[in-house]
Structure formats: structure tokens, C-alpha cells
Amino acid sequence: MTWTVEWDDRARRELRRLDRAVQRQILCYFRERIATDDDPRRFGRGLRHELQGLWRYRIDDYRAVCRIEDDHLVVLVLVVGHRRQVYE
């Protein structure tokens, strides 16, 4: 069972602003780990409070906030950024 990783427009813009090496690292993470695994939740952590229902993935000093849609087998990336700024 493979998952599809889709990117929200905001996340796509934020990804483009990052350094090329970081972009490759983040894309590789989603392509090799998340998309090919049976359960994408095992690599992430569920968020709490006002972000409850969303998941975050840790990629070195960067974070990706995602919504997991089980009925469509889609991981929708909503926000990507440095860990200091991503939750603002």
C-alpha cells in the first residue's frame, strides 16, 4: 500500500524559499519514507491543541505539518519551514 504525497500551495512556496540542499532532503524524505510505507504515522507525531488532527514530520532542523487522509491514502503537506518558525 503506497501513499500519495500532495503539496498545498503555501507549502510549495515555502519549500521553494529554502536552500536547494534542504529542498532535496525534504523531498527525498517524503518520497522514500512516507510515500512507500504502509503507515505514515509511524514517522511523525500528532499535534495537539489548536493543531489537533495534524501531524508533524521532523527532517533535521525543519518541520513539515501535514494532514493524513486515510480514505484517499494521501499525505497533504500544509506547511514546511525551520522549526523556529513553522508553528507560528
PDB file of N, CA and C in Angstrom:
ATOM      1  N   MET A   1       0.844  -1.173   0.000  1.00  0.00           N
ATOM      2  CA  MET A   1       0.000   0.000   0.000  1.00  0.00           C
ATOM      3  C   MET A   1       0.895   1.243   0.000  1.00  0.00           C
ATOM      4  N   THR A   2       0.788   2.056  -1.018  1.00  0.00           N
ATOM      5  CA  THR A   2       1.594   3.273  -1.092  1.00  0.00           C
ATOM      6  C   THR A   2       0.718   4.500  -0.903  1.00  0.00           C
ATOM      7  N   TRP A   3       1.315   5.505  -0.348  1.00  0.00           N
ATOM      8  CA  TRP A   3       0.635   6.763  -0.080  1.00  0.00           C
ATOM      9  C   TRP A   3       1.063   7.797  -1.104  1.00  0.00           C
ATOM     10  N   THR A   4       0.189   8.722  -1.386  1.00  0.00           N
ATOM     11  CA  THR A   4       0.500   9.837  -2.276  1.00  0.00           C
ATOM     12  C   THR A   4       0.777  11.056  -1.423  1.00  0.00           C
ATOM     13  N   VAL A   5       1.863  11.746  -1.731  1.00  0.00           N
ATOM     14  CA  VAL A   5       2.198  12.979  -1.026  1.00  0.00           C
ATOM     15  C   VAL A   5       1.801  14.142  -1.925  1.00  0.00           C
ATOM     16  N   GLU A   6       0.908  14.993  -1.424  1.00  0.00           N
ATOM     17  CA  GLU A   6       0.472  16.176  -2.160  1.00  0.00           C
ATOM     18  C   GLU A   6       0.892  17.415  -1.385  1.00  0.00           C
ATOM     19  N   TRP A   7       1.124  18.492  -2.121  1.00  0.00           N
ATOM     20  CA  TRP A   7       1.625  19.724  -1.527  1.00  0.00           C
ATOM     21  C   TRP A   7       0.603  20.846  -1.679  1.00  0.00           C
ATOM     22  N   ASP A   8       0.263  21.472  -0.573  1.00  0.00           N
ATOM     23  CA  ASP A   8      -0.574  22.658  -0.579  1.00  0.00           C
ATOM     24  C   ASP A   8       0.216  23.794  -1.229  1.00  0.00           C
ATOM     25  N   ASP A   9      -0.458  24.777  -1.805  1.00  0.00           N
ATOM     26  CA  ASP A   9       0.232  25.887  -2.468  1.00  0.00           C
ATOM     27  C   ASP A   9       1.164  26.626  -1.516  1.00  0.00           C
ATOM     28  N   ARG A  10       0.715  26.834  -0.286  1.00  0.00           N
ATOM     29  CA  ARG A  10       1.554  27.529   0.698  1.00  0.00           C
ATOM     30  C   ARG A  10       2.827  26.733   0.983  1.00  0.00           C
ATOM     31  N   ALA A  11       2.700  25.433   1.173  1.00  0.00           N
ATOM     32  CA  ALA A  11       3.853  24.583   1.451  1.00  0.00           C
ATOM     33  C   ALA A  11       4.815  24.569   0.262  1.00  0.00           C
ATOM     34  N   ARG A  12       4.265  24.587  -0.932  1.00  0.00           N
ATOM     35  CA  ARG A  12       5.100  24.606  -2.138  1.00  0.00           C
ATOM     36  C   ARG A  12       5.931  25.893  -2.212  1.00  0.00           C
ATOM     37  N   ARG A  13       5.293  27.032  -1.901  1.00  0.00           N
ATOM     38  CA  ARG A  13       6.021  28.311  -1.889  1.00  0.00           C
ATOM     39  C   ARG A  13       7.102  28.327  -0.814  1.00  0.00           C
ATOM     40  N   GLU A  14       6.761  27.804   0.360  1.00  0.00           N
ATOM     41  CA  GLU A  14       7.737  27.775   1.453  1.00  0.00           C
ATOM     42  C   GLU A  14       8.912  26.865   1.116  1.00  0.00           C
ATOM     43  N   LEU A  15       8.647  25.765   0.470  1.00  0.00           N
ATOM     44  CA  LEU A  15       9.712  24.845   0.073  1.00  0.00           C
ATOM     45  C   LEU A  15      10.657  25.512  -0.924  1.00  0.00           C
ATOM     46  N   ARG A  16      10.103  26.275  -1.865  1.00  0.00           N
ATOM     47  CA  ARG A  16      10.938  26.956  -2.863  1.00  0.00           C
ATOM     48  C   ARG A  16      11.870  27.983  -2.240  1.00  0.00           C
ATOM     49  N   ARG A  17      11.484  28.550  -1.108  1.00  0.00           N
ATOM     50  CA  ARG A  17      12.312  29.567  -0.447  1.00  0.00           C
ATOM     51  C   ARG A  17      13.504  28.975   0.289  1.00  0.00           C
ATOM     52  N   LEU A  18      13.492  27.676   0.523  1.00  0.00           N
ATOM     53  CA  LEU A  18      14.571  27.028   1.264  1.00  0.00           C
ATOM     54  C   LEU A  18      15.767  26.767   0.357  1.00  0.00           C
ATOM     55  N   ASP A  19      16.894  26.521   0.976  1.00  0.00           N
ATOM     56  CA  ASP A  19      18.127  26.180   0.271  1.00  0.00           C
ATOM     57  C   ASP A  19      17.920  24.912  -0.561  1.00  0.00           C
ATOM     58  N   ARG A  20      18.589  24.825  -1.696  1.00  0.00           N
ATOM     59  CA  ARG A  20      18.413  23.678  -2.602  1.00  0.00           C
ATOM     60  C   ARG A  20      18.701  22.341  -1.922  1.00  0.00           C
ATOM     61  N   ALA A  21      19.748  22.285  -1.106  1.00  0.00           N
ATOM     62  CA  ALA A  21      20.097  21.038  -0.430  1.00  0.00           C
ATOM     63  C   ALA A  21      18.999  20.630   0.546  1.00  0.00           C
ATOM     64  N   VAL A  22      18.423  21.589   1.234  1.00  0.00           N
ATOM     65  CA  VAL A  22      17.328  21.312   2.171  1.00  0.00           C
ATOM     66  C   VAL A  22      16.092  20.873   1.404  1.00  0.00           C
ATOM     67  N   GLN A  23      15.815  21.506   0.277  1.00  0.00           N
ATOM     68  CA  GLN A  23      14.680  21.104  -0.564  1.00  0.00           C
ATOM     69  C   GLN A  23      14.807  19.633  -0.958  1.00  0.00           C
ATOM     70  N   ARG A  24      15.984  19.260  -1.434  1.00  0.00           N
ATOM     71  CA  ARG A  24      16.212  17.874  -1.849  1.00  0.00           C
ATOM     72  C   ARG A  24      16.035  16.914  -0.681  1.00  0.00           C
ATOM     73  N   GLN A  25      16.536  17.306   0.482  1.00  0.00           N
ATOM     74  CA  GLN A  25      16.435  16.461   1.664  1.00  0.00           C
ATOM     75  C   GLN A  25      14.968  16.241   2.053  1.00  0.00           C
ATOM     76  N   ILE A  26      14.176  17.289   2.037  1.00  0.00           N
ATOM     77  CA  ILE A  26      12.763  17.188   2.400  1.00  0.00           C
ATOM     78  C   ILE A  26      12.006  16.355   1.376  1.00  0.00           C
ATOM     79  N   LEU A  27      12.227  16.621   0.090  1.00  0.00           N
ATOM     80  CA  LEU A  27      11.549  15.854  -0.955  1.00  0.00           C
ATOM     81  C   LEU A  27      11.930  14.380  -0.908  1.00  0.00           C
ATOM     82  N   CYS A  28      13.201  14.099  -0.666  1.00  0.00           N
ATOM     83  CA  CYS A  28      13.675  12.728  -0.559  1.00  0.00           C
ATOM     84  C   CYS A  28      13.026  12.029   0.637  1.00  0.00           C
ATOM     85  N   TYR A  29      12.895  12.742   1.749  1.00  0.00           N
ATOM     86  CA  TYR A  29      12.257  12.183   2.940  1.00  0.00           C
ATOM     87  C   TYR A  29      10.839  11.729   2.624  1.00  0.00           C
ATOM     88  N   PHE A  30      10.070  12.580   1.985  1.00  0.00           N
ATOM     89  CA  PHE A  30       8.685  12.227   1.669  1.00  0.00           C
ATOM     90  C   PHE A  30       8.605  11.139   0.603  1.00  0.00           C
ATOM     91  N   ARG A  31       9.481  11.188  -0.373  1.00  0.00           N
ATOM     92  CA  ARG A  31       9.450  10.206  -1.454  1.00  0.00           C
ATOM     93  C   ARG A  31       9.874   8.815  -0.969  1.00  0.00           C
ATOM     94  N   GLU A  32      10.924   8.747  -0.155  1.00  0.00           N
ATOM     95  CA  GLU A  32      11.477   7.459   0.229  1.00  0.00           C
ATOM     96  C   GLU A  32      10.884   6.877   1.499  1.00  0.00           C
ATOM     97  N   ARG A  33      10.454   7.713   2.420  1.00  0.00           N
ATOM     98  CA  ARG A  33       9.933   7.201   3.682  1.00  0.00           C
ATOM     99  C   ARG A  33       8.416   7.187   3.729  1.00  0.00           C
ATOM    100  N   ILE A  34       7.827   8.333   3.537  1.00  0.00           N
ATOM    101  CA  ILE A  34       6.392   8.479   3.755  1.00  0.00           C
ATOM    102  C   ILE A  34       5.588   7.794   2.649  1.00  0.00           C
ATOM    103  N   ALA A  35       5.942   8.039   1.405  1.00  0.00           N
ATOM    104  CA  ALA A  35       5.152   7.519   0.283  1.00  0.00           C
ATOM    105  C   ALA A  35       5.238   5.996   0.164  1.00  0.00           C
ATOM    106  N   THR A  36       6.308   5.402   0.620  1.00  0.00           N
ATOM    107  CA  THR A  36       6.493   3.965   0.415  1.00  0.00           C
ATOM    108  C   THR A  36       6.086   3.117   1.610  1.00  0.00           C
ATOM    109  N   ASP A  37       5.773   3.715   2.730  1.00  0.00           N
ATOM    110  CA  ASP A  37       5.456   2.958   3.939  1.00  0.00           C
ATOM    111  C   ASP A  37       3.958   2.678   4.045  1.00  0.00           C
ATOM    112  N   ASP A  38       3.615   1.647   4.772  1.00  0.00           N
ATOM    113  CA  ASP A  38       2.204   1.304   4.975  1.00  0.00           C
ATOM    114  C   ASP A  38       1.504   2.262   5.937  1.00  0.00           C
ATOM    115  N   ASP A  39       2.242   2.809   6.900  1.00  0.00           N
ATOM    116  CA  ASP A  39       1.649   3.702   7.893  1.00  0.00           C
ATOM    117  C   ASP A  39       2.524   4.948   8.056  1.00  0.00           C
ATOM    118  N   PRO A  40       2.152   6.077   7.448  1.00  0.00           N
ATOM    119  CA  PRO A  40       2.976   7.278   7.552  1.00  0.00           C
ATOM    120  C   PRO A  40       2.993   7.872   8.956  1.00  0.00           C
ATOM    121  N   ARG A  41       2.105   7.432   9.822  1.00  0.00           N
ATOM    122  CA  ARG A  41       2.071   7.966  11.184  1.00  0.00           C
ATOM    123  C   ARG A  41       3.265   7.512  12.020  1.00  0.00           C
ATOM    124  N   ARG A  42       3.895   6.426  11.665  1.00  0.00           N
ATOM    125  CA  ARG A  42       4.984   5.926  12.494  1.00  0.00           C
ATOM    126  C   ARG A  42       6.232   6.806  12.421  1.00  0.00           C
ATOM    127  N   PHE A  43       6.340   7.660  11.420  1.00  0.00           N
ATOM    128  CA  PHE A  43       7.490   8.556  11.306  1.00  0.00           C
ATOM    129  C   PHE A  43       7.227   9.928  11.915  1.00  0.00           C
ATOM    130  N   GLY A  44       5.963  10.241  12.169  1.00  0.00           N
ATOM    131  CA  GLY A  44       5.618  11.571  12.644  1.00  0.00           C
ATOM    132  C   GLY A  44       5.073  11.554  14.057  1.00  0.00           C
ATOM    133  N   ARG A  45       4.550  12.698  14.430  1.00  0.00           N
ATOM    134  CA  ARG A  45       3.943  12.847  15.749  1.00  0.00           C
ATOM    135  C   ARG A  45       2.683  13.688  15.598  1.00  0.00           C
ATOM    136  N   GLY A  46       1.641  13.288  16.257  1.00  0.00           N
ATOM    137  CA  GLY A  46       0.398  14.044  16.221  1.00  0.00           C
ATOM    138  C   GLY A  46       0.529  15.351  16.989  1.00  0.00           C
ATOM    139  N   LEU A  47      -0.052  16.400  16.456  1.00  0.00           N
ATOM    140  CA  LEU A  47       0.000  17.698  17.124  1.00  0.00           C
ATOM    141  C   LEU A  47      -1.187  17.836  18.060  1.00  0.00           C
ATOM    142  N   ARG A  48      -1.085  18.797  18.980  1.00  0.00           N
ATOM    143  CA  ARG A  48      -2.124  18.963  19.996  1.00  0.00           C
ATOM    144  C   ARG A  48      -2.697  20.366  19.945  1.00  0.00           C
ATOM    145  N   HIS A  49      -3.650  20.583  20.802  1.00  0.00           N
ATOM    146  CA  HIS A  49      -4.315  21.868  20.990  1.00  0.00           C
ATOM    147  C   HIS A  49      -4.984  22.340  19.703  1.00  0.00           C
ATOM    148  N   GLU A  50      -4.700  23.571  19.252  1.00  0.00           N
ATOM    149  CA  GLU A  50      -5.400  24.094  18.076  1.00  0.00           C
ATOM    150  C   GLU A  50      -4.962  23.406  16.776  1.00  0.00           C
ATOM    151  N   LEU A  51      -3.882  22.675  16.810  1.00  0.00           N
ATOM    152  CA  LEU A  51      -3.416  21.941  15.618  1.00  0.00           C
ATOM    153  C   LEU A  51      -3.758  20.453  15.687  1.00  0.00           C
ATOM    154  N   GLN A  52      -4.636  20.080  16.595  1.00  0.00           N
ATOM    155  CA  GLN A  52      -5.011  18.683  16.752  1.00  0.00           C
ATOM    156  C   GLN A  52      -5.594  18.147  15.446  1.00  0.00           C
ATOM    157  N   GLY A  53      -5.207  16.939  15.121  1.00  0.00           N
ATOM    158  CA  GLY A  53      -5.647  16.318  13.878  1.00  0.00           C
ATOM    159  C   GLY A  53      -4.589  16.406  12.789  1.00  0.00           C
ATOM    160  N   LEU A  54      -3.565  17.234  13.014  1.00  0.00           N
ATOM    161  CA  LEU A  54      -2.466  17.357  12.059  1.00  0.00           C
ATOM    162  C   LEU A  54      -1.257  16.587  12.579  1.00  0.00           C
ATOM    163  N   TRP A  55      -0.365  16.267  11.673  1.00  0.00           N
ATOM    164  CA  TRP A  55       0.850  15.527  12.017  1.00  0.00           C
ATOM    165  C   TRP A  55       2.063  16.337  11.618  1.00  0.00           C
ATOM    166  N   ARG A  56       3.136  16.180  12.366  1.00  0.00           N
ATOM    167  CA  ARG A  56       4.383  16.853  12.012  1.00  0.00           C
ATOM    168  C   ARG A  56       5.465  15.812  11.781  1.00  0.00           C
ATOM    169  N   TYR A  57       6.300  16.130  10.803  1.00  0.00           N
ATOM    170  CA  TYR A  57       7.446  15.289  10.498  1.00  0.00           C
ATOM    171  C   TYR A  57       8.697  16.106  10.721  1.00  0.00           C
ATOM    172  N   ARG A  58       9.685  15.485  11.336  1.00  0.00           N
ATOM    173  CA  ARG A  58      10.942  16.146  11.670  1.00  0.00           C
ATOM    174  C   ARG A  58      11.993  15.739  10.649  1.00  0.00           C
ATOM    175  N   ILE A  59      12.546  16.727   9.967  1.00  0.00           N
ATOM    176  CA  ILE A  59      13.586  16.492   8.971  1.00  0.00           C
ATOM    177  C   ILE A  59      14.735  17.422   9.335  1.00  0.00           C
ATOM    178  N   ASP A  60      15.684  16.919  10.114  1.00  0.00           N
ATOM    179  CA  ASP A  60      16.766  17.723  10.705  1.00  0.00           C
ATOM    180  C   ASP A  60      16.185  18.922  11.446  1.00  0.00           C
ATOM    181  N   ASP A  61      16.568  20.139  11.073  1.00  0.00           N
ATOM    182  CA  ASP A  61      16.083  21.338  11.748  1.00  0.00           C
ATOM    183  C   ASP A  61      14.789  21.862  11.144  1.00  0.00           C
ATOM    184  N   TYR A  62      14.203  21.119  10.252  1.00  0.00           N
ATOM    185  CA  TYR A  62      13.000  21.559   9.559  1.00  0.00           C
ATOM    186  C   TYR A  62      11.813  20.684   9.949  1.00  0.00           C
ATOM    187  N   ARG A  63      10.629  21.252   9.820  1.00  0.00           N
ATOM    188  CA  ARG A  63       9.404  20.523  10.146  1.00  0.00           C
ATOM    189  C   ARG A  63       8.419  20.646   8.990  1.00  0.00           C
ATOM    190  N   ALA A  64       7.634  19.617   8.821  1.00  0.00           N
ATOM    191  CA  ALA A  64       6.546  19.629   7.853  1.00  0.00           C
ATOM    192  C   ALA A  64       5.272  19.290   8.615  1.00  0.00           C
ATOM    193  N   VAL A  65       4.272  20.131   8.495  1.00  0.00           N
ATOM    194  CA  VAL A  65       2.980  19.897   9.124  1.00  0.00           C
ATOM    195  C   VAL A  65       2.043  19.366   8.038  1.00  0.00           C
ATOM    196  N   CYS A  66       1.411  18.230   8.321  1.00  0.00           N
ATOM    197  CA  CYS A  66       0.631  17.534   7.304  1.00  0.00           C
ATOM    198  C   CYS A  66      -0.723  17.095   7.838  1.00  0.00           C
ATOM    199  N   ARG A  67      -1.624  16.865   6.904  1.00  0.00           N
ATOM    200  CA  ARG A  67      -2.907  16.237   7.207  1.00  0.00           C
ATOM    201  C   ARG A  67      -2.896  14.878   6.511  1.00  0.00           C
ATOM    202  N   ILE A  68      -3.225  13.845   7.255  1.00  0.00           N
ATOM    203  CA  ILE A  68      -3.253  12.492   6.706  1.00  0.00           C
ATOM    204  C   ILE A  68      -4.699  12.136   6.400  1.00  0.00           C
ATOM    205  N   GLU A  69      -4.964  11.815   5.150  1.00  0.00           N
ATOM    206  CA  GLU A  69      -6.307  11.464   4.702  1.00  0.00           C
ATOM    207  C   GLU A  69      -6.345   9.965   4.413  1.00  0.00           C
ATOM    208  N   ASP A  70      -6.815   9.214   5.387  1.00  0.00           N
ATOM    209  CA  ASP A  70      -6.809   7.753   5.285  1.00  0.00           C
ATOM    210  C   ASP A  70      -7.690   7.223   4.164  1.00  0.00           C
ATOM    211  N   ASP A  71      -8.822   7.846   3.937  1.00  0.00           N
ATOM    212  CA  ASP A  71      -9.749   7.326   2.931  1.00  0.00           C
ATOM    213  C   ASP A  71      -9.223   7.456   1.510  1.00  0.00           C
ATOM    214  N   HIS A  72      -8.277   8.376   1.278  1.00  0.00           N
ATOM    215  CA  HIS A  72      -7.705   8.554  -0.067  1.00  0.00           C
ATOM    216  C   HIS A  72      -6.239   8.134  -0.142  1.00  0.00           C
ATOM    217  N   LEU A  73      -5.661   7.701   0.974  1.00  0.00           N
ATOM    218  CA  LEU A  73      -4.235   7.364   1.068  1.00  0.00           C
ATOM    219  C   LEU A  73      -3.369   8.542   0.623  1.00  0.00           C
ATOM    220  N   VAL A  74      -3.656   9.719   1.191  1.00  0.00           N
ATOM    221  CA  VAL A  74      -2.947  10.950   0.833  1.00  0.00           C
ATOM    222  C   VAL A  74      -2.365  11.584   2.084  1.00  0.00           C
ATOM    223  N   VAL A  75      -1.116  12.021   1.970  1.00  0.00           N
ATOM    224  CA  VAL A  75      -0.495  12.864   2.986  1.00  0.00           C
ATOM    225  C   VAL A  75      -0.398  14.245   2.356  1.00  0.00           C
ATOM    226  N   LEU A  76      -1.156  15.195   2.887  1.00  0.00           N
ATOM    227  CA  LEU A  76      -1.187  16.552   2.351  1.00  0.00           C
ATOM    228  C   LEU A  76      -0.263  17.428   3.186  1.00  0.00           C
ATOM    229  N   VAL A  77       0.803  17.921   2.577  1.00  0.00           N
ATOM    230  CA  VAL A  77       1.765  18.784   3.265  1.00  0.00           C
ATOM    231  C   VAL A  77       1.198  20.195   3.266  1.00  0.00           C
ATOM    232  N   LEU A  78       0.987  20.750   4.455  1.00  0.00           N
ATOM    233  CA  LEU A  78       0.378  22.066   4.594  1.00  0.00           C
ATOM    234  C   LEU A  78       1.398  23.168   4.809  1.00  0.00           C
ATOM    235  N   VAL A  79       2.435  22.898   5.617  1.00  0.00           N
ATOM    236  CA  VAL A  79       3.437  23.905   5.979  1.00  0.00           C
ATOM    237  C   VAL A  79       4.796  23.231   6.037  1.00  0.00           C
ATOM    238  N   VAL A  80       5.827  23.928   5.540  1.00  0.00           N
ATOM    239  CA  VAL A  80       7.204  23.463   5.635  1.00  0.00           C
ATOM    240  C   VAL A  80       8.052  24.647   6.069  1.00  0.00           C
ATOM    241  N   GLY A  81       8.941  24.426   7.022  1.00  0.00           N
ATOM    242  CA  GLY A  81       9.812  25.519   7.434  1.00  0.00           C
ATOM    243  C   GLY A  81      10.756  25.100   8.538  1.00  0.00           C
ATOM    244  N   HIS A  82      11.589  26.060   8.936  1.00  0.00           N
ATOM    245  CA  HIS A  82      12.510  25.830  10.033  1.00  0.00           C
ATOM    246  C   HIS A  82      11.716  25.644  11.321  1.00  0.00           C
ATOM    247  N   ARG A  83      12.243  24.864  12.219  1.00  0.00           N
ATOM    248  CA  ARG A  83      11.490  24.518  13.427  1.00  0.00           C
ATOM    249  C   ARG A  83      11.124  25.722  14.277  1.00  0.00           C
ATOM    250  N   ARG A  84      11.885  26.805  14.205  1.00  0.00           N
ATOM    251  CA  ARG A  84      11.565  28.007  14.981  1.00  0.00           C
ATOM    252  C   ARG A  84      10.341  28.739  14.442  1.00  0.00           C
ATOM    253  N   GLN A  85      10.050  28.585  13.151  1.00  0.00           N
ATOM    254  CA  GLN A  85       9.017  29.403  12.521  1.00  0.00           C
ATOM    255  C   GLN A  85       7.782  28.624  12.062  1.00  0.00           C
ATOM    256  N   VAL A  86       7.856  27.326  12.014  1.00  0.00           N
ATOM    257  CA  VAL A  86       6.807  26.561  11.340  1.00  0.00           C
ATOM    258  C   VAL A  86       5.474  26.562  12.088  1.00  0.00           C
ATOM    259  N   TYR A  87       5.471  26.720  13.386  1.00  0.00           N
ATOM    260  CA  TYR A  87       4.225  26.641  14.149  1.00  0.00           C
ATOM    261  C   TYR A  87       3.560  27.992  14.364  1.00  0.00           C
ATOM    262  N   GLU A  88       4.124  29.045  13.837  1.00  0.00           N
ATOM    263  CA  GLU A  88       3.573  30.382  14.033  1.00  0.00           C
ATOM    264  C   GLU A  88       2.363  30.635  13.166  1.00  0.00           C
TER     265      GLU A  88
END
